[in-house]
């Protein structure tokens, strides 16, 4: 499976961003994690290429209605093969 490491900056904390990201991940069969780190949200995501593309696109557009994504980074990565769910940390 393909993996992505995403950092999202802007108004992404305190607006339900992690909750909506987790719901969006489940909808697209993505496994991984999402957590608040300092002044950004960090996401590790893995899934088939098509679903992962849709997931990344949704995240960078701002999955939470009250969020405002000002900038982001997306890098390729490898996640553990034993991940079976998407977790909010």
PDB file of N, CA and C in Angstrom:
ATOM      1  N   UNK A   1       0.833  -1.192   0.000  1.00  0.00           N
ATOM      2  CA  UNK A   1       0.000   0.000   0.000  1.00  0.00           C
ATOM      3  C   UNK A   1       0.873   1.250   0.000  1.00  0.00           C
ATOM      4  N   UNK A   2       0.369   2.278  -0.614  1.00  0.00           N
ATOM      5  CA  UNK A   2       1.056   3.569  -0.636  1.00  0.00           C
ATOM      6  C   UNK A   2       0.849   4.281   0.690  1.00  0.00           C
ATOM      7  N   UNK A   3       1.813   5.118   1.062  1.00  0.00           N
ATOM      8  CA  UNK A   3       1.693   5.870   2.297  1.00  0.00           C
ATOM      9  C   UNK A   3       2.044   7.331   2.106  1.00  0.00           C
ATOM     10  N   UNK A   4       1.411   8.194   2.896  1.00  0.00           N
ATOM     11  CA  UNK A   4       1.669   9.629   2.858  1.00  0.00           C
ATOM     12  C   UNK A   4       1.836  10.164   4.273  1.00  0.00           C
ATOM     13  N   UNK A   5       2.749  11.107   4.396  1.00  0.00           N
ATOM     14  CA  UNK A   5       2.946  11.854   5.638  1.00  0.00           C
ATOM     15  C   UNK A   5       2.517  13.278   5.317  1.00  0.00           C
ATOM     16  N   UNK A   6       1.487  13.757   5.984  1.00  0.00           N
ATOM     17  CA  UNK A   6       0.889  15.054   5.671  1.00  0.00           C
ATOM     18  C   UNK A   6       0.972  15.944   6.908  1.00  0.00           C
ATOM     19  N   UNK A   7       1.413  17.176   6.706  1.00  0.00           N
ATOM     20  CA  UNK A   7       1.376  18.191   7.759  1.00  0.00           C
ATOM     21  C   UNK A   7       0.477  19.308   7.259  1.00  0.00           C
ATOM     22  N   UNK A   8      -0.506  19.678   8.077  1.00  0.00           N
ATOM     23  CA  UNK A   8      -1.483  20.686   7.682  1.00  0.00           C
ATOM     24  C   UNK A   8      -1.407  21.855   8.663  1.00  0.00           C
ATOM     25  N   UNK A   9      -1.214  23.056   8.128  1.00  0.00           N
ATOM     26  CA  UNK A   9      -1.064  24.272   8.929  1.00  0.00           C
ATOM     27  C   UNK A   9      -2.236  25.205   8.681  1.00  0.00           C
ATOM     28  N   UNK A  10      -2.552  26.021   9.666  1.00  0.00           N
ATOM     29  CA  UNK A  10      -3.650  26.988   9.564  1.00  0.00           C
ATOM     30  C   UNK A  10      -4.559  26.836  10.761  1.00  0.00           C
ATOM     31  N   UNK A  11      -5.839  27.126  10.554  1.00  0.00           N
ATOM     32  CA  UNK A  11      -6.818  26.940  11.638  1.00  0.00           C
ATOM     33  C   UNK A  11      -7.304  25.491  11.564  1.00  0.00           C
ATOM     34  N   UNK A  12      -6.485  24.600  12.145  1.00  0.00           N
ATOM     35  CA  UNK A  12      -6.767  23.173  12.066  1.00  0.00           C
ATOM     36  C   UNK A  12      -6.796  22.504  13.440  1.00  0.00           C
ATOM     37  N   UNK A  13      -6.692  23.299  14.489  1.00  0.00           N
ATOM     38  CA  UNK A  13      -6.803  22.759  15.839  1.00  0.00           C
ATOM     39  C   UNK A  13      -7.960  23.447  16.544  1.00  0.00           C
ATOM     40  N   UNK A  14      -8.716  22.661  17.283  1.00  0.00           N
ATOM     41  CA  UNK A  14      -9.862  23.221  17.999  1.00  0.00           C
ATOM     42  C   UNK A  14     -11.086  23.417  17.130  1.00  0.00           C
ATOM     43  N   UNK A  15     -11.084  22.828  15.930  1.00  0.00           N
ATOM     44  CA  UNK A  15     -12.214  22.985  15.010  1.00  0.00           C
ATOM     45  C   UNK A  15     -12.752  21.634  14.517  1.00  0.00           C
ATOM     46  N   UNK A  16     -12.331  20.549  15.175  1.00  0.00           N
ATOM     47  CA  UNK A  16     -12.803  19.223  14.785  1.00  0.00           C
ATOM     48  C   UNK A  16     -12.043  18.602  13.629  1.00  0.00           C
ATOM     49  N   UNK A  17     -10.890  19.153  13.300  1.00  0.00           N
ATOM     50  CA  UNK A  17     -10.134  18.679  12.132  1.00  0.00           C
ATOM     51  C   UNK A  17      -9.765  17.203  12.266  1.00  0.00           C
ATOM     52  N   UNK A  18      -9.292  16.790  13.436  1.00  0.00           N
ATOM     53  CA  UNK A  18      -8.898  15.385  13.614  1.00  0.00           C
ATOM     54  C   UNK A  18     -10.112  14.459  13.496  1.00  0.00           C
ATOM     55  N   UNK A  19     -11.226  14.844  14.098  1.00  0.00           N
ATOM     56  CA  UNK A  19     -12.446  14.035  14.022  1.00  0.00           C
ATOM     57  C   UNK A  19     -12.888  13.857  12.571  1.00  0.00           C
ATOM     58  N   UNK A  20     -12.983  14.968  11.834  1.00  0.00           N
ATOM     59  CA  UNK A  20     -13.437  14.890  10.450  1.00  0.00           C
ATOM     60  C   UNK A  20     -12.430  14.152   9.567  1.00  0.00           C
ATOM     61  N   UNK A  21     -11.144  14.290   9.874  1.00  0.00           N
ATOM     62  CA  UNK A  21     -10.115  13.561   9.120  1.00  0.00           C
ATOM     63  C   UNK A  21     -10.286  12.061   9.331  1.00  0.00           C
ATOM     64  N   UNK A  22     -10.517  11.644  10.561  1.00  0.00           N
ATOM     65  CA  UNK A  22     -10.720  10.222  10.858  1.00  0.00           C
ATOM     66  C   UNK A  22     -11.958   9.681  10.149  1.00  0.00           C
ATOM     67  N   UNK A  23     -13.038  10.445  10.161  1.00  0.00           N
ATOM     68  CA  UNK A  23     -14.262  10.022   9.468  1.00  0.00           C
ATOM     69  C   UNK A  23     -14.026   9.916   7.955  1.00  0.00           C
ATOM     70  N   UNK A  24     -13.310  10.886   7.406  1.00  0.00           N
ATOM     71  CA  UNK A  24     -12.998  10.907   5.982  1.00  0.00           C
ATOM     72  C   UNK A  24     -12.098   9.718   5.618  1.00  0.00           C
ATOM     73  N   UNK A  25     -11.159   9.382   6.497  1.00  0.00           N
ATOM     74  CA  UNK A  25     -10.263   8.245   6.273  1.00  0.00           C
ATOM     75  C   UNK A  25     -11.066   6.943   6.217  1.00  0.00           C
ATOM     76  N   UNK A  26     -11.989   6.782   7.144  1.00  0.00           N
ATOM     77  CA  UNK A  26     -12.803   5.565   7.162  1.00  0.00           C
ATOM     78  C   UNK A  26     -13.631   5.452   5.890  1.00  0.00           C
ATOM     79  N   UNK A  27     -14.143   6.561   5.411  1.00  0.00           N
ATOM     80  CA  UNK A  27     -14.945   6.576   4.184  1.00  0.00           C
ATOM     81  C   UNK A  27     -14.125   6.114   2.983  1.00  0.00           C
ATOM     82  N   UNK A  28     -12.824   6.398   2.999  1.00  0.00           N
ATOM     83  CA  UNK A  28     -11.956   6.064   1.864  1.00  0.00           C
ATOM     84  C   UNK A  28     -11.046   4.864   2.130  1.00  0.00           C
ATOM     85  N   UNK A  29     -11.363   4.090   3.172  1.00  0.00           N
ATOM     86  CA  UNK A  29     -10.583   2.890   3.501  1.00  0.00           C
ATOM     87  C   UNK A  29      -9.103   3.184   3.707  1.00  0.00           C
ATOM     88  N   UNK A  30      -8.826   4.262   4.429  1.00  0.00           N
ATOM     89  CA  UNK A  30      -7.459   4.676   4.736  1.00  0.00           C
ATOM     90  C   UNK A  30      -7.143   4.262   6.167  1.00  0.00           C
ATOM     91  N   UNK A  31      -5.945   3.747   6.384  1.00  0.00           N
ATOM     92  CA  UNK A  31      -5.477   3.440   7.734  1.00  0.00           C
ATOM     93  C   UNK A  31      -4.367   4.421   8.083  1.00  0.00           C
ATOM     94  N   UNK A  32      -4.154   4.658   9.376  1.00  0.00           N
ATOM     95  CA  UNK A  32      -3.087   5.557   9.790  1.00  0.00           C
ATOM     96  C   UNK A  32      -3.431   6.286  11.066  1.00  0.00           C
ATOM     97  N   UNK A  33      -2.872   7.495  11.203  1.00  0.00           N
ATOM     98  CA  UNK A  33      -3.073   8.289  12.413  1.00  0.00           C
ATOM     99  C   UNK A  33      -3.202   9.767  12.076  1.00  0.00           C
ATOM    100  N   UNK A  34      -3.831  10.502  12.995  1.00  0.00           N
ATOM    101  CA  UNK A  34      -3.900  11.959  12.918  1.00  0.00           C
ATOM    102  C   UNK A  34      -3.712  12.488  14.335  1.00  0.00           C
ATOM    103  N   UNK A  35      -2.882  13.537  14.482  1.00  0.00           N
ATOM    104  CA  UNK A  35      -2.686  14.129  15.809  1.00  0.00           C
ATOM    105  C   UNK A  35      -2.279  15.590  15.703  1.00  0.00           C
ATOM    106  N   UNK A  36      -2.609  16.334  16.771  1.00  0.00           N
ATOM    107  CA  UNK A  36      -2.167  17.718  16.891  1.00  0.00           C
ATOM    108  C   UNK A  36      -0.712  17.723  17.323  1.00  0.00           C
ATOM    109  N   UNK A  37       0.099  18.535  16.654  1.00  0.00           N
ATOM    110  CA  UNK A  37       1.511  18.690  17.009  1.00  0.00           C
ATOM    111  C   UNK A  37       1.824  20.179  16.942  1.00  0.00           C
ATOM    112  N   UNK A  38       2.232  20.759  18.070  1.00  0.00           N
ATOM    113  CA  UNK A  38       2.559  22.191  18.111  1.00  0.00           C
ATOM    114  C   UNK A  38       1.468  23.004  17.431  1.00  0.00           C
ATOM    115  N   UNK A  39       1.764  23.616  16.290  1.00  0.00           N
ATOM    116  CA  UNK A  39       0.800  24.486  15.607  1.00  0.00           C
ATOM    117  C   UNK A  39       0.281  23.903  14.295  1.00  0.00           C
ATOM    118  N   UNK A  40       0.332  22.580  14.155  1.00  0.00           N
ATOM    119  CA  UNK A  40      -0.167  21.930  12.942  1.00  0.00           C
ATOM    120  C   UNK A  40      -0.748  20.568  13.286  1.00  0.00           C
ATOM    121  N   UNK A  41      -1.363  19.951  12.290  1.00  0.00           N
ATOM    122  CA  UNK A  41      -1.884  18.597  12.428  1.00  0.00           C
ATOM    123  C   UNK A  41      -1.036  17.685  11.561  1.00  0.00           C
ATOM    124  N   UNK A  42      -0.635  16.556  12.142  1.00  0.00           N
ATOM    125  CA  UNK A  42       0.207  15.596  11.428  1.00  0.00           C
ATOM    126  C   UNK A  42      -0.595  14.327  11.149  1.00  0.00           C
ATOM    127  N   UNK A  43      -0.513  13.864   9.901  1.00  0.00           N
ATOM    128  CA  UNK A  43      -1.286  12.706   9.460  1.00  0.00           C
ATOM    129  C   UNK A  43      -0.352  11.711   8.781  1.00  0.00           C
ATOM    130  N   UNK A  44      -0.485  10.464   9.169  1.00  0.00           N
ATOM    131  CA  UNK A  44       0.144   9.361   8.450  1.00  0.00           C
ATOM    132  C   UNK A  44      -0.997   8.542   7.880  1.00  0.00           C
ATOM    133  N   UNK A  45      -0.986   8.324   6.578  1.00  0.00           N
ATOM    134  CA  UNK A  45      -2.095   7.649   5.924  1.00  0.00           C
ATOM    135  C   UNK A  45      -1.590   6.627   4.919  1.00  0.00           C
ATOM    136  N   UNK A  46      -2.316   5.523   4.824  1.00  0.00           N
ATOM    137  CA  UNK A  46      -1.958   4.470   3.883  1.00  0.00           C
ATOM    138  C   UNK A  46      -3.225   3.873   3.296  1.00  0.00           C
ATOM    139  N   UNK A  47      -3.166   3.528   2.015  1.00  0.00           N
ATOM    140  CA  UNK A  47      -4.305   2.930   1.332  1.00  0.00           C
ATOM    141  C   UNK A  47      -3.969   2.725  -0.126  1.00  0.00           C
ATOM    142  N   UNK A  48      -4.933   2.231  -0.886  1.00  0.00           N
ATOM    143  CA  UNK A  48      -4.662   2.063  -2.309  1.00  0.00           C
ATOM    144  C   UNK A  48      -4.551   3.441  -2.962  1.00  0.00           C
ATOM    145  N   UNK A  49      -3.886   3.496  -4.086  1.00  0.00           N
ATOM    146  CA  UNK A  49      -3.525   4.779  -4.709  1.00  0.00           C
ATOM    147  C   UNK A  49      -4.715   5.691  -4.958  1.00  0.00           C
ATOM    148  N   UNK A  50      -5.793   5.151  -5.481  1.00  0.00           N
ATOM    149  CA  UNK A  50      -6.972   5.967  -5.810  1.00  0.00           C
ATOM    150  C   UNK A  50      -7.592   6.587  -4.557  1.00  0.00           C
ATOM    151  N   UNK A  51      -7.824   5.766  -3.539  1.00  0.00           N
ATOM    152  CA  UNK A  51      -8.428   6.274  -2.308  1.00  0.00           C
ATOM    153  C   UNK A  51      -7.489   7.228  -1.575  1.00  0.00           C
ATOM    154  N   UNK A  52      -6.202   6.933  -1.605  1.00  0.00           N
ATOM    155  CA  UNK A  52      -5.237   7.798  -0.936  1.00  0.00           C
ATOM    156  C   UNK A  52      -5.203   9.180  -1.591  1.00  0.00           C
ATOM    157  N   UNK A  53      -5.285   9.216  -2.911  1.00  0.00           N
ATOM    158  CA  UNK A  53      -5.335  10.494  -3.639  1.00  0.00           C
ATOM    159  C   UNK A  53      -6.555  11.306  -3.218  1.00  0.00           C
ATOM    160  N   UNK A  54      -7.710  10.658  -3.152  1.00  0.00           N
ATOM    161  CA  UNK A  54      -8.941  11.340  -2.745  1.00  0.00           C
ATOM    162  C   UNK A  54      -8.835  11.842  -1.311  1.00  0.00           C
ATOM    163  N   UNK A  55      -8.240  11.024  -0.449  1.00  0.00           N
ATOM    164  CA  UNK A  55      -8.080  11.395   0.949  1.00  0.00           C
ATOM    165  C   UNK A  55      -7.186  12.626   1.081  1.00  0.00           C
ATOM    166  N   UNK A  56      -6.034  12.596   0.457  1.00  0.00           N
ATOM    167  CA  UNK A  56      -5.096  13.729   0.532  1.00  0.00           C
ATOM    168  C   UNK A  56      -5.758  14.989  -0.003  1.00  0.00           C
ATOM    169  N   UNK A  57      -6.442  14.877  -1.125  1.00  0.00           N
ATOM    170  CA  UNK A  57      -7.118  16.034  -1.720  1.00  0.00           C
ATOM    171  C   UNK A  57      -8.138  16.626  -0.747  1.00  0.00           C
ATOM    172  N   UNK A  58      -8.924  15.784  -0.100  1.00  0.00           N
ATOM    173  CA  UNK A  58      -9.915  16.264   0.862  1.00  0.00           C
ATOM    174  C   UNK A  58      -9.285  16.909   2.076  1.00  0.00           C
ATOM    175  N   UNK A  59      -8.212  16.312   2.574  1.00  0.00           N
ATOM    176  CA  UNK A  59      -7.538  16.850   3.757  1.00  0.00           C
ATOM    177  C   UNK A  59      -6.964  18.230   3.481  1.00  0.00           C
ATOM    178  N   UNK A  60      -6.305  18.404   2.346  1.00  0.00           N
ATOM    179  CA  UNK A  60      -5.675  19.698   2.072  1.00  0.00           C
ATOM    180  C   UNK A  60      -6.690  20.777   1.712  1.00  0.00           C
ATOM    181  N   UNK A  61      -7.900  20.366   1.362  1.00  0.00           N
ATOM    182  CA  UNK A  61      -8.964  21.349   1.135  1.00  0.00           C
ATOM    183  C   UNK A  61      -9.634  21.727   2.450  1.00  0.00           C
ATOM    184  N   UNK A  62      -9.403  20.920   3.503  1.00  0.00           N
ATOM    185  CA  UNK A  62      -9.978  21.202   4.818  1.00  0.00           C
ATOM    186  C   UNK A  62     -11.220  20.385   5.058  1.00  0.00           C
ATOM    187  N   UNK A  63     -11.071  19.220   5.665  1.00  0.00           N
ATOM    188  CA  UNK A  63     -12.204  18.319   5.871  1.00  0.00           C
ATOM    189  C   UNK A  63     -13.192  18.825   6.922  1.00  0.00           C
ATOM    190  N   UNK A  64     -12.725  19.626   7.850  1.00  0.00           N
ATOM    191  CA  UNK A  64     -13.613  20.162   8.886  1.00  0.00           C
ATOM    192  C   UNK A  64     -14.217  21.473   8.378  1.00  0.00           C
ATOM    193  N   UNK A  65     -15.526  21.642   8.506  1.00  0.00           N
ATOM    194  CA  UNK A  65     -16.174  22.849   7.999  1.00  0.00           C
ATOM    195  C   UNK A  65     -15.587  24.153   8.547  1.00  0.00           C
ATOM    196  N   UNK A  66     -15.137  24.164   9.802  1.00  0.00           N
ATOM    197  CA  UNK A  66     -14.620  25.394  10.411  1.00  0.00           C
ATOM    198  C   UNK A  66     -13.109  25.564  10.220  1.00  0.00           C
ATOM    199  N   UNK A  67     -12.467  24.620   9.541  1.00  0.00           N
ATOM    200  CA  UNK A  67     -11.011  24.706   9.375  1.00  0.00           C
ATOM    201  C   UNK A  67     -10.633  25.627   8.220  1.00  0.00           C
ATOM    202  N   UNK A  68      -9.433  26.170   8.313  1.00  0.00           N
ATOM    203  CA  UNK A  68      -8.850  26.958   7.222  1.00  0.00           C
ATOM    204  C   UNK A  68      -7.424  26.459   7.033  1.00  0.00           C
ATOM    205  N   UNK A  69      -7.185  25.755   5.941  1.00  0.00           N
ATOM    206  CA  UNK A  69      -5.843  25.245   5.645  1.00  0.00           C
ATOM    207  C   UNK A  69      -5.068  26.352   4.945  1.00  0.00           C
ATOM    208  N   UNK A  70      -3.984  26.794   5.582  1.00  0.00           N
ATOM    209  CA  UNK A  70      -3.147  27.854   5.003  1.00  0.00           C
ATOM    210  C   UNK A  70      -1.990  27.284   4.206  1.00  0.00           C
ATOM    211  N   UNK A  71      -1.439  26.160   4.656  1.00  0.00           N
ATOM    212  CA  UNK A  71      -0.368  25.493   3.924  1.00  0.00           C
ATOM    213  C   UNK A  71      -0.295  24.041   4.362  1.00  0.00           C
ATOM    214  N   UNK A  72       0.447  23.262   3.619  1.00  0.00           N
ATOM    215  CA  UNK A  72       0.568  21.839   3.922  1.00  0.00           C
ATOM    216  C   UNK A  72       1.796  21.270   3.225  1.00  0.00           C
ATOM    217  N   UNK A  73       2.248  20.120   3.719  1.00  0.00           N
ATOM    218  CA  UNK A  73       3.290  19.351   3.038  1.00  0.00           C
ATOM    219  C   UNK A  73       2.773  17.925   2.912  1.00  0.00           C
ATOM    220  N   UNK A  74       3.145  17.268   1.822  1.00  0.00           N
ATOM    221  CA  UNK A  74       2.781  15.878   1.598  1.00  0.00           C
ATOM    222  C   UNK A  74       4.030  15.154   1.114  1.00  0.00           C
ATOM    223  N   UNK A  75       4.437  14.138   1.854  1.00  0.00           N
ATOM    224  CA  UNK A  75       5.604  13.344   1.492  1.00  0.00           C
ATOM    225  C   UNK A  75       5.223  11.872   1.443  1.00  0.00           C
ATOM    226  N   UNK A  76       5.892  11.129   0.573  1.00  0.00           N
ATOM    227  CA  UNK A  76       5.710   9.684   0.532  1.00  0.00           C
ATOM    228  C   UNK A  76       6.354   9.067   1.758  1.00  0.00           C
ATOM    229  N   UNK A  77       5.745   8.002   2.265  1.00  0.00           N
ATOM    230  CA  UNK A  77       6.278   7.304   3.430  1.00  0.00           C
ATOM    231  C   UNK A  77       5.799   5.862   3.400  1.00  0.00           C
ATOM    232  N   UNK A  78       6.307   5.081   4.314  1.00  0.00           N
ATOM    233  CA  UNK A  78       5.875   3.702   4.476  1.00  0.00           C
ATOM    234  C   UNK A  78       5.351   3.531   5.885  1.00  0.00           C
ATOM    235  N   UNK A  79       4.172   2.963   6.011  1.00  0.00           N
ATOM    236  CA  UNK A  79       3.590   2.691   7.320  1.00  0.00           C
ATOM    237  C   UNK A  79       3.711   1.210   7.633  1.00  0.00           C
ATOM    238  N   UNK A  80       3.574   0.885   8.891  1.00  0.00           N
ATOM    239  CA  UNK A  80       3.619  -0.511   9.310  1.00  0.00           C
ATOM    240  C   UNK A  80       2.503  -1.292   8.623  1.00  0.00           C
ATOM    241  N   UNK A  81       2.830  -2.485   8.154  1.00  0.00           N
ATOM    242  CA  UNK A  81       1.845  -3.320   7.459  1.00  0.00           C
ATOM    243  C   UNK A  81       0.719  -3.809   8.361  1.00  0.00           C
ATOM    244  N   UNK A  82       0.946  -3.808   9.665  1.00  0.00           N
ATOM    245  CA  UNK A  82      -0.063  -4.344  10.573  1.00  0.00           C
ATOM    246  C   UNK A  82      -1.137  -3.335  10.964  1.00  0.00           C
ATOM    247  N   UNK A  83      -1.079  -2.110  10.441  1.00  0.00           N
ATOM    248  CA  UNK A  83      -2.129  -1.124  10.746  1.00  0.00           C
ATOM    249  C   UNK A  83      -3.435  -1.551  10.099  1.00  0.00           C
ATOM    250  N   UNK A  84      -4.500  -1.533  10.908  1.00  0.00           N
ATOM    251  CA  UNK A  84      -5.785  -1.981  10.407  1.00  0.00           C
ATOM    252  C   UNK A  84      -6.879  -0.910  10.478  1.00  0.00           C
ATOM    253  N   UNK A  85      -6.584   0.204  11.188  1.00  0.00           N
ATOM    254  CA  UNK A  85      -7.579   1.250  11.410  1.00  0.00           C
ATOM    255  C   UNK A  85      -6.947   2.631  11.258  1.00  0.00           C
ATOM    256  N   UNK A  86      -7.804   3.637  11.327  1.00  0.00           N
ATOM    257  CA  UNK A  86      -7.328   5.021  11.371  1.00  0.00           C
ATOM    258  C   UNK A  86      -7.585   5.516  12.775  1.00  0.00           C
ATOM    259  N   UNK A  87      -6.542   6.019  13.441  1.00  0.00           N
ATOM    260  CA  UNK A  87      -6.650   6.424  14.844  1.00  0.00           C
ATOM    261  C   UNK A  87      -6.405   7.918  15.032  1.00  0.00           C
ATOM    262  N   UNK A  88      -7.151   8.499  15.943  1.00  0.00           N
ATOM    263  CA  UNK A  88      -6.922   9.861  16.377  1.00  0.00           C
ATOM    264  C   UNK A  88      -6.065   9.802  17.642  1.00  0.00           C
ATOM    265  N   UNK A  89      -4.926  10.461  17.607  1.00  0.00           N
ATOM    266  CA  UNK A  89      -4.019  10.450  18.764  1.00  0.00           C
ATOM    267  C   UNK A  89      -4.117  11.745  19.534  1.00  0.00           C
TER     268      UNK A  89
END
